[in-house]
Amino acid sequence: MIHQLSVFIENKSGALLQILSLLKEAGIQLVATNIVDTMDYGICRIIATNPRLACTILQEAGMSANLNEVFAIELDNHPGSAADAIAAFAQEGVGIVYLYSFLLGGKGILIFRTDNAERASDIIKESRLKAISEEDLSRL
């Protein structure tokens, strides 16, 4: 599992820039971002180098930020890889709460949270999916 930074932000001009600028000033590299919004606020999910420091910096700036553990798996970059990986969880009745993906270093990366982390860990091992760490992401 890896750490994902979740930050609540207002839906107003400049709010995202403030987050990104603080991380830039600290020399923290973004690996992936995802924003889900509602009418009044958004949740910005960030995978970054040094997520603990990133969280501290944002909290000290008065932002509502926290760390969550999520799964990260590496896939071959070809059509159907994500479907094949997610099928392993669906067949075992483990639901995906949210997921986002990106390409990095020629590999597909899935970041996701499930409704049963313990069982998901077992499925990753049993299915021989390639779990990746924060250090792995930095090297890709």
Protein backbone atom coordinates (compact mmCIF):
# COMPACT_ATOMS: atom_id res chain seq x y z
CA MET A 1 0.00 0.00 0.00
CA ILE A 2 1.02 3.58 -0.55
CA HIS A 3 0.00 6.89 1.01
CA GLN A 4 -2.37 9.18 -0.79
CA LEU A 5 -2.87 12.76 0.27
CA SER A 6 -6.50 13.91 0.38
CA VAL A 7 -7.12 17.65 0.56
CA PHE A 8 -10.48 19.39 0.83
CA ILE A 9 -10.54 22.51 -1.31
CA GLU A 10 -13.12 25.15 -2.00
CA ASN A 11 -14.48 25.39 -5.52
CA LYS A 12 -13.02 28.82 -6.18
CA SER A 13 -10.36 30.26 -8.39
CA GLY A 14 -6.85 29.90 -6.96
CA ALA A 15 -7.59 27.16 -4.41
CA LEU A 16 -5.84 24.43 -6.39
CA LEU A 17 -2.97 26.76 -7.23
CA GLN A 18 -2.36 27.37 -3.53
CA ILE A 19 -1.95 23.62 -2.91
CA LEU A 20 0.29 23.11 -5.91
CA SER A 21 2.42 26.16 -5.08
CA LEU A 22 3.04 24.98 -1.51
CA LEU A 23 4.12 21.57 -2.75
CA LYS A 24 6.29 23.14 -5.45
CA GLU A 25 8.05 25.35 -2.88
CA ALA A 26 8.79 22.26 -0.78
CA GLY A 27 10.26 20.41 -3.77
CA ILE A 28 7.59 17.72 -3.66
CA GLN A 29 6.95 16.05 -7.01
CA LEU A 30 3.40 15.13 -7.95
CA VAL A 31 3.05 11.64 -9.40
CA ALA A 32 -0.74 11.71 -9.90
CA THR A 33 -3.70 13.89 -8.98
CA ASN A 34 -7.43 13.45 -9.10
CA ILE A 35 -10.13 15.92 -8.13
CA VAL A 36 -13.72 15.01 -7.31
CA ASP A 37 -16.03 17.94 -6.78
CA THR A 38 -19.35 18.84 -5.27
CA MET A 39 -21.09 22.20 -5.42
CA ASP A 40 -19.06 23.84 -2.66
CA TYR A 41 -15.80 21.93 -2.35
CA GLY A 42 -13.61 19.34 -3.95
CA ILE A 43 -11.45 16.50 -2.75
CA CYS A 44 -8.03 16.60 -4.32
CA ARG A 45 -6.30 13.21 -4.13
CA ILE A 46 -2.56 13.35 -4.64
CA ILE A 47 0.15 10.74 -5.00
CA ALA A 48 3.45 12.52 -4.40
CA THR A 49 7.00 12.05 -3.35
CA ASN A 50 7.23 12.47 0.43
CA PRO A 51 3.48 12.37 1.17
CA ARG A 52 3.96 12.80 4.93
CA LEU A 53 5.84 16.06 4.47
CA ALA A 54 3.27 17.21 1.91
CA CYS A 55 0.47 16.59 4.40
CA THR A 56 2.27 18.48 7.16
CA ILE A 57 2.96 21.46 4.90
CA LEU A 58 -0.66 21.70 3.81
CA GLN A 59 -1.99 21.30 7.35
CA GLU A 60 0.38 24.01 8.61
CA ALA A 61 -1.03 26.27 5.89
CA GLY A 62 -4.48 25.75 7.40
CA MET A 63 -5.78 23.24 4.89
CA SER A 64 -7.82 20.16 5.69
CA ALA A 65 -5.41 17.45 4.54
CA ASN A 66 -4.88 13.84 5.58
CA LEU A 67 -3.14 10.68 4.49
CA ASN A 68 -4.94 7.52 3.43
CA GLU A 69 -3.54 4.15 2.50
CA VAL A 70 -4.45 3.02 -1.00
CA PHE A 71 -3.35 0.21 -3.27
CA ALA A 72 -1.10 0.77 -6.24
CA ILE A 73 -0.49 -1.91 -8.84
CA GLU A 74 1.58 -1.88 -11.99
CA LEU A 75 0.14 -3.20 -15.23
CA ASP A 76 1.51 -3.85 -18.67
CA ASN A 77 0.57 -1.04 -21.02
CA HIS A 78 -1.90 -2.80 -23.29
CA PRO A 79 -5.68 -2.81 -23.72
CA GLY A 80 -7.52 -4.89 -21.15
CA SER A 81 -4.86 -4.94 -18.42
CA ALA A 82 -6.99 -2.91 -16.01
CA ALA A 83 -10.07 -5.03 -16.69
CA ASP A 84 -8.11 -8.21 -16.03
CA ALA A 85 -6.74 -6.84 -12.74
CA ILE A 86 -10.09 -5.56 -11.49
CA ALA A 87 -11.75 -8.88 -12.44
CA ALA A 88 -9.69 -10.59 -9.72
CA PHE A 89 -11.32 -8.37 -7.08
CA ALA A 90 -14.83 -8.59 -8.55
CA GLN A 91 -14.67 -12.39 -8.66
CA GLU A 92 -13.95 -12.37 -4.91
CA GLY A 93 -16.69 -9.87 -4.12
CA VAL A 94 -14.30 -7.05 -3.18
CA GLY A 95 -15.67 -3.69 -4.29
CA ILE A 96 -13.60 -0.84 -5.63
CA VAL A 97 -14.57 2.35 -3.78
CA TYR A 98 -12.64 4.59 -6.17
CA LEU A 99 -9.89 4.21 -8.74
CA TYR A 100 -7.74 6.37 -10.93
CA SER A 101 -4.99 5.40 -13.32
CA PHE A 102 -2.12 6.84 -15.29
CA LEU A 103 0.88 5.80 -17.35
CA LEU A 104 4.33 6.15 -15.86
CA GLY A 105 7.57 4.86 -17.30
CA GLY A 106 5.71 2.88 -19.95
CA LYS A 107 3.62 1.04 -17.35
CA GLY A 108 0.00 1.42 -16.39
CA ILE A 109 -0.54 2.31 -12.73
CA LEU A 110 -3.84 1.77 -10.92
CA ILE A 111 -4.43 3.57 -7.65
CA PHE A 112 -7.51 2.37 -5.78
CA ARG A 113 -9.27 1.89 -2.49
CA THR A 114 -11.46 -1.13 -1.76
CA ASP A 115 -14.20 -1.96 0.69
CA ASN A 116 -12.01 -4.74 2.16
CA ALA A 117 -8.32 -3.86 2.35
CA GLU A 118 -7.25 -7.09 4.04
CA ARG A 119 -8.87 -9.30 1.40
CA ALA A 120 -7.61 -7.03 -1.37
CA SER A 121 -4.04 -7.54 -0.14
CA ASP A 122 -4.53 -11.29 -0.32
CA ILE A 123 -6.01 -11.07 -3.83
CA ILE A 124 -3.03 -9.03 -5.04
CA LYS A 125 -0.67 -11.77 -3.79
CA GLU A 126 -2.83 -14.70 -4.96
CA SER A 127 -3.34 -13.19 -8.42
CA ARG A 128 0.34 -12.28 -8.71
CA LEU A 129 -0.47 -8.65 -9.38
CA LYS A 130 2.51 -6.36 -9.03
CA ALA A 131 1.94 -4.16 -5.99
CA ILE A 132 4.13 -1.09 -6.03
CA SER A 133 5.48 1.05 -3.23
CA GLU A 134 6.04 4.78 -2.98
CA GLU A 135 9.73 4.13 -3.68
CA ASP A 136 8.80 2.15 -6.81
CA LEU A 137 6.74 5.08 -8.08
CA SER A 138 9.70 7.41 -7.60
CA ARG A 139 11.91 5.12 -9.71
CA LEU A 140 9.50 4.66 -12.64
